Amino acid sequence: MSLRAAGTIPLPGGPGKGFDHADTVTAPQGDRIYVAHTAMDAIDVIDCRTNAYLRTIGDLPGVAGVLVDNGHDLLVTSDRAAARVSMFRASDERLLARVGVGPRPNGLAYDTKRRRVFAFNLGEPPGTDCSASVVDVATAAVVRTIALPGRPRWAAYDASSDLVYANIQDPAVIVRIDAGSLEERGRIDVGCAGPHGLALVDGRLFCAADGGEVVVISDPAGRSRIAKRLPLRGVPDVVWHAGIAPLLYVAIGTPGVVTVIDTERLVETETVTTELGAHTLGWDAATRRLYVFAPASGSALVFEERS
């Protein structure tokens, strides 16, 4: 497999407006990418079938995280500047509730068994009294606040172990949270500065760290052995597992590239040039397209995965 450039989609606001996380809503009439356009306090919606900008969902101050659960028809945003999460019905974008959480929510994870959203809060000022707010979707209420050892980055829920994993910038660890008891269940020492992007693939964690590595952790729920360290060309941010092929995409804002890693062979397969500052990705499995959000040009760069 290789990535080939397949076009550019201009987005509202023009050049110089920053983006953050993205996720994908699947639908029979065509999938849609939702990306946090943080500088615009909004989410931009892209039609993956036509490769076109559709619309903007506004009134999301400082929006940072976007999470979609297609099985539960749920779209969640972390509205960092408003200290809240917003919950929408994913199919028609109807606002269901807004829930106040801790200061500066960023990363999100979703417990599909209990229908709980975990919002990971940076604190105020950032890095102070960091926490995770656990939001019950049915009642639209915070049911627990969990103290964290440092500034959180991205997170993931694993149904097989019933654990939530959360990257912590400093100390450089991944915190394990029991999704049932909502108690911490230990920490994984990453051994590389600044754990950032996180993906769970076939029972292993792939952690992209600021120190310039993807750290592969086997048996994360148990002994948590470091299986591999893969060097990168810069400081990474978002990672995305393709799902169809054993490929992990890693966005690196400087120098502006995406590195592709084979998650079975644990090797780099290619690195493609994007744009300086482009650190956010979206992926559509139906069209096998990777969307790289480029703040310098104010657009989405589209790449197709081809044999």
Protein backbone atom coordinates (compact mmCIF):
# COMPACT_ATOMS: atom_id res chain seq x y z
CA MET A 1 0.00 0.00 0.00
CA SER A 2 1.08 3.58 -0.62
CA LEU A 3 -0.41 7.04 -0.17
CA ARG A 4 -0.98 9.25 -3.20
CA ALA A 5 -2.13 12.88 -3.18
CA ALA A 6 -5.76 13.12 -4.28
CA GLY A 7 -6.73 16.76 -3.88
CA THR A 8 -7.21 19.65 -1.49
CA ILE A 9 -10.40 20.82 0.25
CA PRO A 10 -10.47 24.53 1.26
CA LEU A 11 -12.02 25.05 4.70
CA PRO A 12 -13.61 28.14 6.32
CA GLY A 13 -11.42 30.76 7.93
CA GLY A 14 -8.59 30.64 5.44
CA PRO A 15 -4.88 30.23 6.19
CA GLY A 16 -3.45 30.33 9.70
CA LYS A 17 -6.39 28.82 11.59
CA GLY A 18 -5.46 25.82 13.71
CA PHE A 19 -7.12 22.40 13.80
CA ASP A 20 -7.17 19.63 16.39
CA HIS A 21 -8.67 16.12 16.51
CA ALA A 22 -11.05 14.55 13.99
CA ASP A 23 -13.28 11.49 13.72
CA THR A 24 -15.54 9.78 11.17
CA VAL A 25 -19.31 9.25 11.04
CA THR A 26 -20.26 6.29 8.86
CA ALA A 27 -23.50 6.43 6.88
CA PRO A 28 -25.11 4.51 3.97
CA GLN A 29 -25.19 7.67 1.84
CA GLY A 30 -21.50 8.34 2.46
CA ASP A 31 -19.18 8.86 5.41
CA ARG A 32 -18.39 12.26 6.93
CA ILE A 33 -15.26 13.57 8.65
CA TYR A 34 -15.73 15.93 11.60
CA VAL A 35 -12.64 17.97 12.47
CA ALA A 36 -12.14 20.37 15.36
CA HIS A 37 -11.36 23.77 13.81
CA THR A 38 -10.12 25.11 17.13
CA ALA A 39 -9.29 28.62 16.00
CA MET A 40 -12.82 28.99 14.59
CA ASP A 41 -14.61 27.57 17.69
CA ALA A 42 -16.32 25.11 15.38
CA ILE A 43 -16.33 21.71 13.72
CA ASP A 44 -15.99 21.46 9.95
CA VAL A 45 -17.84 18.63 8.21
CA ILE A 46 -16.43 16.95 5.08
CA ASP A 47 -18.27 14.61 2.74
CA CYS A 48 -15.86 11.71 2.11
CA ARG A 49 -17.71 10.46 -0.96
CA THR A 50 -17.50 13.75 -2.87
CA ASN A 51 -14.39 15.13 -1.12
CA ALA A 52 -16.20 18.39 -0.38
CA TYR A 53 -16.73 20.69 2.58
CA LEU A 54 -20.38 20.47 3.70
CA ARG A 55 -20.98 22.79 6.66
CA THR A 56 -19.78 24.02 10.02
CA ILE A 57 -21.15 23.33 13.50
CA GLY A 58 -20.45 26.39 15.62
CA ASP A 59 -20.73 27.51 19.24
CA LEU A 60 -17.94 25.17 20.37
CA PRO A 61 -15.45 27.48 22.13
CA GLY A 62 -11.88 26.26 21.76
CA VAL A 63 -13.03 22.85 20.54
CA ALA A 64 -10.16 20.37 20.80
CA GLY A 65 -11.37 16.78 20.87
CA VAL A 66 -13.84 15.02 18.58
CA LEU A 67 -15.05 11.48 19.27
CA VAL A 68 -17.58 9.41 17.31
CA ASP A 69 -19.22 6.13 18.29
CA ASN A 70 -21.21 4.98 15.28
CA GLY A 71 -22.80 2.06 17.13
CA HIS A 72 -24.41 4.42 19.63
CA ASP A 73 -24.99 7.23 17.09
CA LEU A 74 -22.94 9.58 19.25
CA LEU A 75 -20.71 12.57 18.43
CA VAL A 76 -18.86 14.24 21.31
CA THR A 77 -16.69 17.34 21.41
CA SER A 78 -14.45 18.72 24.15
CA ASP A 79 -15.02 22.48 24.23
CA ARG A 80 -11.79 23.54 25.91
CA ALA A 81 -12.56 27.24 26.37
CA ALA A 82 -15.99 26.50 27.87
CA ALA A 83 -14.92 23.66 30.23
CA ARG A 84 -17.59 21.36 28.85
CA VAL A 85 -18.38 18.52 26.50
CA SER A 86 -21.11 18.74 23.88
CA MET A 87 -22.97 15.58 22.85
CA PHE A 88 -24.77 15.26 19.51
CA ARG A 89 -26.71 12.56 17.71
CA ALA A 90 -24.19 11.70 15.03
CA SER A 91 -26.67 10.82 12.28
CA ASP A 92 -28.37 14.24 12.14
CA GLU A 93 -26.07 16.41 14.31
CA ARG A 94 -28.86 17.19 16.77
CA LEU A 95 -27.48 18.59 20.03
CA LEU A 96 -28.38 16.24 22.90
CA ALA A 97 -26.69 17.90 25.88
CA ARG A 98 -23.86 20.07 27.10
CA VAL A 99 -22.14 19.02 30.31
CA GLY A 100 -19.70 21.03 32.39
CA VAL A 101 -16.45 19.19 33.12
CA GLY A 102 -13.01 20.16 34.48
CA PRO A 103 -10.92 23.06 33.17
CA ARG A 104 -9.68 22.82 29.56
CA PRO A 105 -10.96 19.40 28.42
CA ASN A 106 -8.86 17.90 25.66
CA GLY A 107 -8.71 14.16 24.94
CA LEU A 108 -11.80 11.94 24.94
CA ALA A 109 -12.54 8.24 25.37
CA TYR A 110 -15.86 6.37 25.36
CA ASP A 111 -16.85 3.38 27.48
CA THR A 112 -19.26 1.59 25.14
CA LYS A 113 -20.47 -0.84 27.83
CA ARG A 114 -21.75 1.79 30.26
CA ARG A 115 -22.18 4.68 27.82
CA ARG A 116 -19.77 6.95 29.63
CA VAL A 117 -17.56 9.65 28.11
CA PHE A 118 -14.17 10.31 29.69
CA ALA A 119 -13.03 13.92 29.21
CA PHE A 120 -9.37 14.48 30.07
CA ASN A 121 -8.85 17.98 31.47
CA LEU A 122 -5.62 19.98 31.25
CA GLY A 123 -6.40 22.05 34.36
CA GLU A 124 -6.09 25.79 34.96
CA PRO A 125 -3.41 26.89 34.42
CA PRO A 126 -2.65 23.97 32.07
CA GLY A 127 -0.80 21.20 33.86
CA THR A 128 -2.26 22.06 37.28
CA ASP A 129 -4.70 19.72 39.06
CA CYS A 130 -5.29 17.69 35.90
CA SER A 131 -8.25 15.36 35.95
CA ALA A 132 -10.62 13.13 34.03
CA SER A 133 -14.35 13.87 34.16
CA VAL A 134 -16.58 10.82 33.63
CA VAL A 135 -19.88 11.78 31.97
CA ASP A 136 -22.90 9.47 31.91
CA VAL A 137 -24.51 9.92 28.49
CA ALA A 138 -28.02 8.87 29.59
CA THR A 139 -28.26 11.43 32.42
CA ALA A 140 -25.87 14.02 30.96
CA ALA A 141 -24.13 14.30 34.31
CA VAL A 142 -20.58 13.92 35.66
CA VAL A 143 -20.51 10.78 37.81
CA ARG A 144 -16.85 10.90 38.89
CA THR A 145 -13.77 13.08 38.70
CA ILE A 146 -10.45 11.21 38.64
CA ALA A 147 -7.16 12.90 39.58
CA LEU A 148 -4.34 12.50 37.05
CA PRO A 149 -0.58 12.67 37.68
CA GLY A 150 0.08 15.23 34.95
CA ARG A 151 -1.14 16.89 31.77
CA PRO A 152 -3.23 14.42 29.70
CA ARG A 153 -3.02 14.01 25.95
CA TRP A 154 -5.11 11.47 23.97
CA ALA A 155 -6.85 8.39 25.38
CA ALA A 156 -8.51 5.13 24.32
CA TYR A 157 -11.00 2.64 25.76
CA ASP A 158 -10.39 -1.10 25.43
CA ALA A 159 -13.55 -3.19 25.75
CA SER A 160 -11.63 -6.48 26.06
CA SER A 161 -9.83 -5.41 29.24
CA ASP A 162 -12.45 -2.83 30.30
CA LEU A 163 -9.68 -0.28 30.77
CA VAL A 164 -9.24 3.31 29.66
CA TYR A 165 -5.67 4.23 28.71
CA ALA A 166 -4.61 7.88 28.89
CA ASN A 167 -1.30 9.43 27.78
CA ILE A 168 0.31 11.76 30.32
CA GLN A 169 2.88 14.28 29.07
CA ASP A 170 4.96 14.45 32.27
CA PRO A 171 5.61 12.05 33.90
CA ALA A 172 5.89 10.13 30.62
CA VAL A 173 3.40 7.40 31.45
CA ILE A 174 0.15 5.87 30.25
CA VAL A 175 -2.41 5.73 33.05
CA ARG A 176 -4.73 2.72 33.25
CA ILE A 177 -8.22 3.45 34.55
CA ASP A 178 -10.69 0.68 35.43
CA ALA A 179 -13.84 1.66 33.52
CA GLY A 180 -16.08 -0.11 36.02
CA SER A 181 -14.72 1.07 39.35
CA LEU A 182 -13.30 4.32 37.93
CA GLU A 183 -10.09 3.76 39.86
CA GLU A 184 -6.53 3.96 38.59
CA ARG A 185 -5.03 0.52 37.89
CA GLY A 186 -1.37 1.39 37.48
CA ARG A 187 0.86 3.23 35.03
CA ILE A 188 2.94 2.19 32.04
CA ASP A 189 6.36 3.81 31.82
CA VAL A 190 6.77 4.85 28.17
CA GLY A 191 10.48 5.64 28.44
CA CYS A 192 10.23 8.50 25.94
CA ALA A 193 9.36 12.13 26.62
CA GLY A 194 5.83 13.39 26.06
CA PRO A 195 3.39 10.57 25.22
CA HIS A 196 0.96 12.17 22.75
CA GLY A 197 -1.00 10.22 20.10
CA LEU A 198 -2.43 6.84 21.12
CA ALA A 199 -3.99 3.91 19.27
CA LEU A 200 -5.06 0.44 20.37
CA VAL A 201 -4.36 -2.15 17.66
CA ASP A 202 -4.84 -5.90 18.11
CA GLY A 203 -4.33 -5.77 21.86
CA ARG A 204 -1.24 -3.53 21.71
CA LEU A 205 -0.83 0.18 22.37
CA PHE A 206 0.94 2.39 19.84
CA CYS A 207 2.07 5.55 21.61
CA ALA A 208 3.56 8.41 19.57
CA ALA A 209 5.77 10.46 21.88
CA ASP A 210 7.28 13.94 21.63
CA GLY A 211 10.73 12.38 22.02
CA GLY A 212 10.45 11.23 18.41
CA GLU A 213 9.35 7.62 18.76
CA VAL A 214 6.37 5.36 18.33
CA VAL A 215 6.50 3.08 21.35
CA VAL A 216 4.75 -0.27 20.87
CA ILE A 217 3.48 -1.80 24.11
CA SER A 218 2.33 -5.41 24.22
CA ASP A 219 0.02 -6.74 26.96
CA PRO A 220 -0.87 -3.21 28.19
CA ALA A 221 -3.46 -4.57 30.64
CA GLY A 222 -0.89 -6.86 32.25
CA ARG A 223 2.90 -6.84 32.24
CA SER A 224 3.10 -4.03 29.65
CA ARG A 225 6.28 -4.97 27.79
CA ILE A 226 7.87 -2.52 25.33
CA ALA A 227 7.85 -4.56 22.13
CA LYS A 228 9.43 -2.00 19.80
CA ARG A 229 10.60 1.59 19.50
CA LEU A 230 10.27 3.10 16.04
CA PRO A 231 12.11 6.38 15.34
CA LEU A 232 10.25 9.31 13.80
CA ARG A 233 11.35 12.40 11.84
CA GLY A 234 10.04 14.90 14.38
CA VAL A 235 7.53 15.49 17.17
CA PRO A 236 4.33 13.53 16.46
CA ASP A 237 0.74 14.31 17.36
CA VAL A 238 -2.29 12.40 16.06
CA VAL A 239 -2.09 8.72 15.10
CA TRP A 240 -4.71 6.76 13.19
CA HIS A 241 -5.04 3.05 12.51
CA ALA A 242 -6.47 2.35 9.07
CA GLY A 243 -8.40 -0.75 10.10
CA ILE A 244 -8.50 -2.37 6.65
CA ALA A 245 -4.76 -2.81 6.22
CA PRO A 246 -2.26 -3.16 9.11
CA LEU A 247 -1.20 0.47 8.78
CA LEU A 248 -0.79 3.19 11.39
CA TYR A 249 -0.59 6.81 10.21
CA VAL A 250 1.44 9.23 12.34
CA ALA A 251 1.13 12.99 11.80
CA ILE A 252 4.29 15.05 12.37
CA GLY A 253 3.75 18.82 12.18
CA THR A 254 7.43 19.69 11.78
CA PRO A 255 8.74 19.17 9.11
CA GLY A 256 5.21 18.36 7.88
CA VAL A 257 4.98 14.67 7.07
CA VAL A 258 2.90 11.57 7.71
CA THR A 259 4.82 8.41 8.56
CA VAL A 260 3.18 5.07 7.85
CA ILE A 261 3.94 2.09 10.09
CA ASP A 262 3.07 -1.54 9.42
CA THR A 263 1.54 -2.71 12.72
CA GLU A 264 2.23 -6.39 12.00
CA ARG A 265 5.88 -6.18 10.92
CA LEU A 266 6.55 -3.12 13.12
CA VAL A 267 8.45 -1.24 10.43
CA GLU A 268 8.06 2.10 8.67
CA THR A 269 6.68 1.59 5.17
CA GLU A 270 6.77 5.17 3.87
CA THR A 271 6.76 8.84 4.79
CA VAL A 272 4.86 11.37 2.68
CA THR A 273 5.21 15.15 2.69
CA THR A 274 2.16 17.15 3.83
CA GLU A 275 2.56 20.74 5.03
CA LEU A 276 4.42 22.46 7.85
CA GLY A 277 2.20 22.49 10.94
CA ALA A 278 -0.15 19.73 9.76
CA HIS A 279 -0.51 17.55 12.86
CA THR A 280 -4.13 16.34 12.65
CA LEU A 281 -5.52 13.38 10.69
CA GLY A 282 -8.86 11.92 9.69
CA TRP A 283 -9.48 8.58 7.99
CA ASP A 284 -12.35 7.15 5.95
CA ALA A 285 -12.33 3.38 5.63
CA ALA A 286 -14.98 3.30 2.88
CA THR A 287 -12.92 5.32 0.41
CA ARG A 288 -9.52 4.50 1.92
CA ARG A 289 -8.70 8.19 2.12
CA LEU A 290 -6.51 9.97 4.63
CA TYR A 291 -7.31 13.60 5.42
CA VAL A 292 -4.47 15.77 6.73
CA PHE A 293 -5.56 19.11 8.15
CA ALA A 294 -3.18 21.89 7.18
CA PRO A 295 -3.50 25.18 9.11
CA ALA A 296 -0.99 27.12 6.99
CA SER A 297 -3.16 26.75 3.89
CA GLY A 298 -6.49 26.43 5.75
CA SER A 299 -7.38 23.20 4.02
CA ALA A 300 -7.65 19.43 4.17
CA LEU A 301 -5.03 17.59 2.12
CA VAL A 302 -6.46 14.35 0.75
CA PHE A 303 -4.43 11.18 0.19
CA GLU A 304 -5.69 7.86 -1.16
CA GLU A 305 -4.38 4.49 -0.05
CA ARG A 306 -3.57 2.45 -3.16
CA SER A 307 -1.99 -0.91 -3.83
